[in-house]
Amino acid sequence: EMEHKVKELNSASRKLRMSVSQTDTIPVVTSKTSEVYYFGGGRQIPQKLDTFTIGDSALQVSISSCHFAVVTVEKELFTWANVQGGQGMVGQLGHGDTASYRMPKKVAALQGQGVVNVSCGEEFTACVN
């Protein structure tokens, strides 16, 4: 049933592409670059994270009250924390410890897994590959 639905959706898409006239504009992604900015937690002016400017372009960002996660165009996952007031980490960054990394760090355990989506909760991070 799933294969039939995929085939049906793909054929509809193909028909749409074939019906586009020469004068219509078709959106095309021309760049894999993006920048990530953060503010809050005492910072009132947006600060650019240099981690995501060269080679690791952000595609999706997810946050909780104390940690952040970014999926890159290259399908890698980066996490880090903004711990304040004695709040501790319980392993939700995925680095194999309970440390509070203040700058984005690639989650080595998911290297090569092709992460496409991430979501942060209070004491967890969940991702889809």
N, C-alpha and C. Protein backbone atom coordinates (compact mmCIF):
# COMPACT_ATOMS: atom_id res chain seq x y z
N GLU A 1 0.82 -1.19 0.00
CA GLU A 1 0.00 0.00 0.00
C GLU A 1 0.87 1.26 0.00
N MET A 2 1.96 1.21 0.82
CA MET A 2 2.85 2.37 0.90
C MET A 2 3.53 2.62 -0.45
N GLU A 3 3.99 1.56 -1.11
CA GLU A 3 4.64 1.72 -2.41
C GLU A 3 3.68 2.30 -3.44
N HIS A 4 2.43 1.87 -3.38
CA HIS A 4 1.43 2.40 -4.31
C HIS A 4 1.21 3.90 -4.08
N LYS A 5 1.13 4.30 -2.79
CA LYS A 5 0.93 5.71 -2.45
C LYS A 5 2.12 6.55 -2.92
N VAL A 6 3.35 6.06 -2.71
CA VAL A 6 4.54 6.77 -3.16
C VAL A 6 4.53 6.93 -4.67
N LYS A 7 4.20 5.87 -5.38
CA LYS A 7 4.14 5.92 -6.84
C LYS A 7 3.10 6.93 -7.30
N GLU A 8 1.96 6.95 -6.62
CA GLU A 8 0.88 7.88 -6.95
C GLU A 8 1.32 9.33 -6.73
N LEU A 9 1.95 9.59 -5.61
CA LEU A 9 2.44 10.94 -5.33
C LEU A 9 3.52 11.37 -6.31
N ASN A 10 4.43 10.47 -6.63
CA ASN A 10 5.50 10.80 -7.57
C ASN A 10 4.96 11.07 -8.97
N SER A 11 3.98 10.32 -9.40
CA SER A 11 3.42 10.54 -10.74
C SER A 11 2.68 11.87 -10.80
N ALA A 12 2.00 12.25 -9.71
CA ALA A 12 1.33 13.55 -9.67
C ALA A 12 2.35 14.67 -9.74
N SER A 13 3.46 14.50 -9.05
CA SER A 13 4.52 15.50 -9.06
C SER A 13 5.13 15.61 -10.45
N ARG A 14 5.34 14.46 -11.11
CA ARG A 14 5.91 14.47 -12.45
C ARG A 14 4.98 15.18 -13.42
N LYS A 15 3.68 14.93 -13.32
CA LYS A 15 2.70 15.59 -14.20
C LYS A 15 2.74 17.09 -14.00
N LEU A 16 2.86 17.52 -12.73
CA LEU A 16 2.92 18.94 -12.43
C LEU A 16 4.17 19.56 -13.05
N ARG A 17 5.32 18.88 -12.93
CA ARG A 17 6.56 19.41 -13.50
C ARG A 17 6.48 19.50 -15.01
N MET A 18 5.81 18.55 -15.65
CA MET A 18 5.70 18.54 -17.10
C MET A 18 4.76 19.64 -17.58
N SER A 19 3.80 20.05 -16.74
CA SER A 19 2.82 21.05 -17.15
C SER A 19 3.31 22.48 -16.94
N VAL A 20 4.45 22.66 -16.30
CA VAL A 20 4.98 24.00 -16.05
C VAL A 20 5.47 24.60 -17.35
N SER A 21 5.00 25.80 -17.67
CA SER A 21 5.42 26.43 -18.91
C SER A 21 6.82 27.00 -18.77
N GLN A 22 7.40 27.39 -19.87
CA GLN A 22 8.75 27.93 -19.87
C GLN A 22 8.85 29.24 -19.12
N THR A 23 7.73 29.99 -18.98
CA THR A 23 7.77 31.28 -18.33
C THR A 23 7.58 31.18 -16.82
N ASP A 24 7.12 30.04 -16.31
CA ASP A 24 6.93 29.88 -14.88
C ASP A 24 8.27 29.73 -14.18
N THR A 25 8.33 30.21 -12.95
CA THR A 25 9.54 30.12 -12.15
C THR A 25 9.48 28.88 -11.28
N ILE A 26 10.55 28.09 -11.30
CA ILE A 26 10.64 26.91 -10.46
C ILE A 26 11.69 27.20 -9.40
N PRO A 27 11.30 27.12 -8.10
CA PRO A 27 12.29 27.40 -7.05
C PRO A 27 13.40 26.35 -7.03
N VAL A 28 14.61 26.81 -6.87
CA VAL A 28 15.77 25.93 -6.85
C VAL A 28 16.66 26.34 -5.68
N VAL A 29 17.12 25.36 -4.91
CA VAL A 29 18.07 25.65 -3.84
C VAL A 29 19.43 25.83 -4.48
N THR A 30 20.02 26.99 -4.27
CA THR A 30 21.31 27.27 -4.90
C THR A 30 22.47 27.30 -3.92
N SER A 31 22.17 27.23 -2.63
CA SER A 31 23.23 27.32 -1.64
C SER A 31 22.93 26.44 -0.45
N LYS A 32 23.97 25.88 0.15
CA LYS A 32 23.82 25.08 1.35
C LYS A 32 24.29 25.84 2.58
N THR A 33 24.45 27.14 2.44
CA THR A 33 24.96 27.90 3.58
C THR A 33 23.81 28.49 4.38
N SER A 34 24.02 28.57 5.67
CA SER A 34 23.07 29.22 6.57
C SER A 34 23.84 29.64 7.81
N GLU A 35 23.24 30.50 8.60
CA GLU A 35 23.86 30.95 9.83
C GLU A 35 22.88 30.76 10.97
N VAL A 36 23.39 30.48 12.16
CA VAL A 36 22.56 30.31 13.34
C VAL A 36 22.90 31.44 14.31
N TYR A 37 21.87 32.11 14.79
CA TYR A 37 22.01 33.17 15.77
C TYR A 37 21.27 32.76 17.04
N TYR A 38 21.75 33.21 18.18
CA TYR A 38 21.07 32.96 19.43
C TYR A 38 21.08 34.22 20.28
N PHE A 39 20.08 34.35 21.11
CA PHE A 39 20.00 35.45 22.05
C PHE A 39 19.09 35.03 23.19
N GLY A 40 19.10 35.78 24.27
CA GLY A 40 18.39 35.40 25.49
C GLY A 40 19.40 34.95 26.52
N GLY A 41 18.94 34.56 27.70
CA GLY A 41 19.85 34.14 28.76
C GLY A 41 20.84 35.22 29.12
N GLY A 42 20.39 36.48 29.10
CA GLY A 42 21.27 37.59 29.41
C GLY A 42 21.82 38.30 28.17
N ARG A 43 21.68 37.68 27.02
CA ARG A 43 22.15 38.32 25.77
C ARG A 43 20.96 38.96 25.07
N GLN A 44 21.05 40.26 24.84
CA GLN A 44 19.95 40.97 24.21
C GLN A 44 20.17 41.19 22.72
N ILE A 45 21.39 41.05 22.28
CA ILE A 45 21.72 41.22 20.86
C ILE A 45 22.04 39.85 20.28
N PRO A 46 21.45 39.48 19.13
CA PRO A 46 21.74 38.18 18.53
C PRO A 46 23.24 37.96 18.30
N GLN A 47 23.70 36.77 18.67
CA GLN A 47 25.10 36.38 18.50
C GLN A 47 25.17 35.25 17.47
N LYS A 48 26.06 35.37 16.50
CA LYS A 48 26.21 34.34 15.48
C LYS A 48 27.09 33.22 16.02
N LEU A 49 26.66 31.97 15.80
CA LEU A 49 27.47 30.81 16.17
C LEU A 49 28.35 30.45 14.97
N ASP A 50 29.65 30.61 15.11
CA ASP A 50 30.57 30.36 14.00
C ASP A 50 30.62 28.90 13.58
N THR A 51 30.18 27.98 14.44
CA THR A 51 30.20 26.55 14.12
C THR A 51 29.44 26.26 12.83
N PHE A 52 28.39 27.02 12.57
CA PHE A 52 27.51 26.72 11.43
C PHE A 52 27.70 27.67 10.26
N THR A 53 28.88 28.21 10.09
CA THR A 53 29.13 29.10 8.97
C THR A 53 29.99 28.46 7.88
N ILE A 54 30.85 27.54 8.25
CA ILE A 54 31.74 26.92 7.26
C ILE A 54 31.62 25.40 7.35
N GLY A 55 31.08 24.77 6.34
CA GLY A 55 31.07 23.31 6.27
C GLY A 55 29.91 22.63 6.96
N ASP A 56 29.33 23.20 7.99
CA ASP A 56 28.22 22.58 8.70
C ASP A 56 27.04 23.55 8.71
N SER A 57 26.28 23.57 7.63
CA SER A 57 25.18 24.52 7.49
C SER A 57 23.93 24.01 8.18
N ALA A 58 23.34 24.83 9.03
CA ALA A 58 22.16 24.43 9.80
C ALA A 58 20.94 24.29 8.89
N LEU A 59 20.16 23.26 9.17
CA LEU A 59 18.91 23.04 8.45
C LEU A 59 17.73 23.16 9.41
N GLN A 60 17.89 22.68 10.64
CA GLN A 60 16.82 22.72 11.63
C GLN A 60 17.40 23.01 13.01
N VAL A 61 16.68 23.79 13.80
CA VAL A 61 17.07 24.11 15.17
C VAL A 61 15.94 23.70 16.10
N SER A 62 16.29 23.10 17.26
CA SER A 62 15.31 22.76 18.27
C SER A 62 15.87 23.19 19.63
N ILE A 63 14.98 23.63 20.52
CA ILE A 63 15.43 24.10 21.82
C ILE A 63 14.54 23.57 22.95
N SER A 64 15.12 23.50 24.13
CA SER A 64 14.35 23.28 25.36
C SER A 64 14.69 24.45 26.27
N SER A 65 14.32 24.36 27.52
CA SER A 65 14.64 25.46 28.43
C SER A 65 16.12 25.52 28.77
N CYS A 66 16.87 24.41 28.52
CA CYS A 66 18.28 24.43 28.91
C CYS A 66 19.24 23.89 27.85
N HIS A 67 18.74 23.35 26.75
CA HIS A 67 19.69 22.88 25.73
C HIS A 67 19.16 23.10 24.32
N PHE A 68 20.09 22.98 23.37
CA PHE A 68 19.82 23.27 21.97
C PHE A 68 20.30 22.10 21.10
N ALA A 69 19.69 21.94 19.94
CA ALA A 69 20.13 20.94 18.98
C ALA A 69 19.97 21.51 17.57
N VAL A 70 20.91 21.18 16.71
CA VAL A 70 20.87 21.62 15.31
C VAL A 70 21.15 20.42 14.42
N VAL A 71 20.31 20.23 13.39
CA VAL A 71 20.56 19.27 12.33
C VAL A 71 21.13 20.06 11.17
N THR A 72 22.23 19.58 10.61
CA THR A 72 22.86 20.29 9.49
C THR A 72 22.39 19.72 8.16
N VAL A 73 22.67 20.46 7.10
CA VAL A 73 22.37 20.01 5.75
C VAL A 73 23.09 18.69 5.48
N GLU A 74 24.23 18.51 6.13
CA GLU A 74 25.02 17.30 5.97
C GLU A 74 24.47 16.15 6.82
N LYS A 75 23.31 16.36 7.47
CA LYS A 75 22.59 15.36 8.28
C LYS A 75 23.37 14.94 9.52
N GLU A 76 24.06 15.90 10.12
CA GLU A 76 24.77 15.66 11.37
C GLU A 76 24.04 16.41 12.48
N LEU A 77 24.18 15.90 13.72
CA LEU A 77 23.52 16.50 14.86
C LEU A 77 24.53 17.16 15.78
N PHE A 78 24.27 18.41 16.15
CA PHE A 78 25.08 19.15 17.11
C PHE A 78 24.19 19.52 18.29
N THR A 79 24.74 19.42 19.51
CA THR A 79 23.99 19.82 20.71
C THR A 79 24.89 20.63 21.63
N TRP A 80 24.25 21.46 22.47
CA TRP A 80 24.96 22.21 23.50
C TRP A 80 23.94 22.72 24.51
N ALA A 81 24.42 23.29 25.60
CA ALA A 81 23.53 23.67 26.70
C ALA A 81 23.72 25.12 27.12
N ASN A 82 22.69 25.63 27.76
CA ASN A 82 22.72 26.96 28.37
C ASN A 82 22.19 26.80 29.78
N VAL A 83 23.00 26.21 30.63
CA VAL A 83 22.58 25.87 31.98
C VAL A 83 22.78 27.06 32.90
N GLN A 84 21.72 27.40 33.63
CA GLN A 84 21.79 28.51 34.57
C GLN A 84 21.15 28.08 35.89
N GLY A 85 21.55 28.71 36.96
CA GLY A 85 20.93 28.48 38.25
C GLY A 85 21.14 27.10 38.83
N GLY A 86 22.25 26.46 38.54
CA GLY A 86 22.55 25.16 39.12
C GLY A 86 21.83 23.99 38.47
N GLN A 87 21.11 24.26 37.39
CA GLN A 87 20.41 23.19 36.69
C GLN A 87 21.43 22.27 36.03
N GLY A 88 21.30 20.95 36.21
CA GLY A 88 22.28 20.01 35.68
C GLY A 88 21.80 19.27 34.44
N MET A 89 22.73 18.77 33.70
CA MET A 89 22.43 17.94 32.54
C MET A 89 22.23 16.50 33.00
N VAL A 90 21.38 15.77 32.30
CA VAL A 90 21.14 14.37 32.63
C VAL A 90 21.42 13.46 31.44
N GLY A 91 22.29 13.94 30.53
CA GLY A 91 22.66 13.14 29.37
C GLY A 91 21.91 13.50 28.10
N GLN A 92 21.06 14.51 28.13
CA GLN A 92 20.24 14.85 26.96
C GLN A 92 21.02 15.42 25.78
N LEU A 93 22.30 15.72 25.97
CA LEU A 93 23.09 16.22 24.85
C LEU A 93 23.60 15.09 23.97
N GLY A 94 23.62 13.86 24.48
CA GLY A 94 24.02 12.72 23.66
C GLY A 94 25.51 12.52 23.51
N HIS A 95 26.31 13.14 24.36
CA HIS A 95 27.76 13.01 24.25
C HIS A 95 28.33 11.95 25.18
N GLY A 96 27.47 11.16 25.81
CA GLY A 96 27.93 10.07 26.66
C GLY A 96 28.31 10.49 28.06
N ASP A 97 27.95 11.70 28.45
CA ASP A 97 28.24 12.17 29.80
C ASP A 97 27.16 13.17 30.22
N THR A 98 27.33 13.77 31.37
CA THR A 98 26.36 14.77 31.84
C THR A 98 26.97 16.16 31.87
N ALA A 99 28.01 16.36 31.08
CA ALA A 99 28.66 17.66 31.00
C ALA A 99 27.77 18.67 30.31
N SER A 100 27.98 19.93 30.61
CA SER A 100 27.24 21.03 30.01
C SER A 100 28.13 21.74 28.99
N TYR A 101 28.07 21.33 27.74
CA TYR A 101 28.88 21.94 26.69
C TYR A 101 28.25 23.27 26.30
N ARG A 102 29.03 24.36 26.38
CA ARG A 102 28.48 25.70 26.12
C ARG A 102 28.53 26.08 24.65
N MET A 103 29.26 25.31 23.85
CA MET A 103 29.32 25.56 22.41
C MET A 103 28.86 24.31 21.68
N PRO A 104 28.32 24.45 20.46
CA PRO A 104 27.83 23.29 19.72
C PRO A 104 28.91 22.23 19.54
N LYS A 105 28.52 20.98 19.80
CA LYS A 105 29.43 19.85 19.65
C LYS A 105 28.70 18.75 18.87
N LYS A 106 29.39 18.18 17.88
CA LYS A 106 28.80 17.12 17.07
C LYS A 106 28.59 15.88 17.93
N VAL A 107 27.43 15.25 17.80
CA VAL A 107 27.12 14.02 18.54
C VAL A 107 27.79 12.86 17.80
N ALA A 108 28.92 12.43 18.33
CA ALA A 108 29.75 11.41 17.67
C ALA A 108 29.03 10.07 17.54
N ALA A 109 28.17 9.73 18.49
CA ALA A 109 27.48 8.44 18.45
C ALA A 109 26.53 8.32 17.26
N LEU A 110 26.15 9.43 16.66
CA LEU A 110 25.24 9.40 15.51
C LEU A 110 25.95 9.71 14.20
N GLN A 111 27.26 9.74 14.22
CA GLN A 111 28.05 9.99 13.01
C GLN A 111 27.70 8.96 11.94
N GLY A 112 27.35 9.41 10.75
CA GLY A 112 27.02 8.52 9.65
C GLY A 112 25.60 7.99 9.67
N GLN A 113 24.78 8.42 10.62
CA GLN A 113 23.40 7.93 10.73
C GLN A 113 22.42 8.73 9.87
N GLY A 114 22.79 9.88 9.41
CA GLY A 114 21.90 10.67 8.57
C GLY A 114 20.70 11.22 9.32
N VAL A 115 20.94 12.04 10.32
CA VAL A 115 19.85 12.63 11.11
C VAL A 115 19.11 13.65 10.25
N VAL A 116 17.78 13.57 10.23
CA VAL A 116 16.98 14.49 9.41
C VAL A 116 16.05 15.37 10.24
N ASN A 117 15.83 15.02 11.50
CA ASN A 117 14.92 15.80 12.34
C ASN A 117 15.31 15.62 13.79
N VAL A 118 15.13 16.68 14.60
CA VAL A 118 15.45 16.61 16.02
C VAL A 118 14.44 17.42 16.81
N SER A 119 14.22 17.01 18.04
CA SER A 119 13.33 17.74 18.95
C SER A 119 13.90 17.64 20.36
N CYS A 120 13.90 18.77 21.06
CA CYS A 120 14.41 18.83 22.43
C CYS A 120 13.25 18.92 23.41
N GLY A 121 13.36 18.16 24.49
CA GLY A 121 12.40 18.24 25.58
C GLY A 121 13.13 18.67 26.83
N GLU A 122 12.45 18.65 27.94
CA GLU A 122 13.03 19.13 29.20
C GLU A 122 14.30 18.35 29.57
N GLU A 123 14.25 17.03 29.55
CA GLU A 123 15.43 16.22 29.92
C GLU A 123 15.76 15.18 28.86
N PHE A 124 15.44 15.48 27.60
CA PHE A 124 15.72 14.52 26.53
C PHE A 124 15.88 15.24 25.19
N THR A 125 16.47 14.51 24.26
CA THR A 125 16.54 14.93 22.87
C THR A 125 16.17 13.71 22.05
N ALA A 126 15.31 13.87 21.07
CA ALA A 126 14.91 12.77 20.19
C ALA A 126 15.20 13.17 18.75
N CYS A 127 15.68 12.22 17.96
CA CYS A 127 15.96 12.54 16.56
C CYS A 127 15.54 11.37 15.66
N VAL A 128 15.37 11.70 14.39
CA VAL A 128 14.97 10.74 13.37
C VAL A 128 16.09 10.69 12.34
N ASN A 129 16.45 9.45 11.95
CA ASN A 129 17.45 9.33 10.88
C ASN A 129 16.81 8.75 9.64
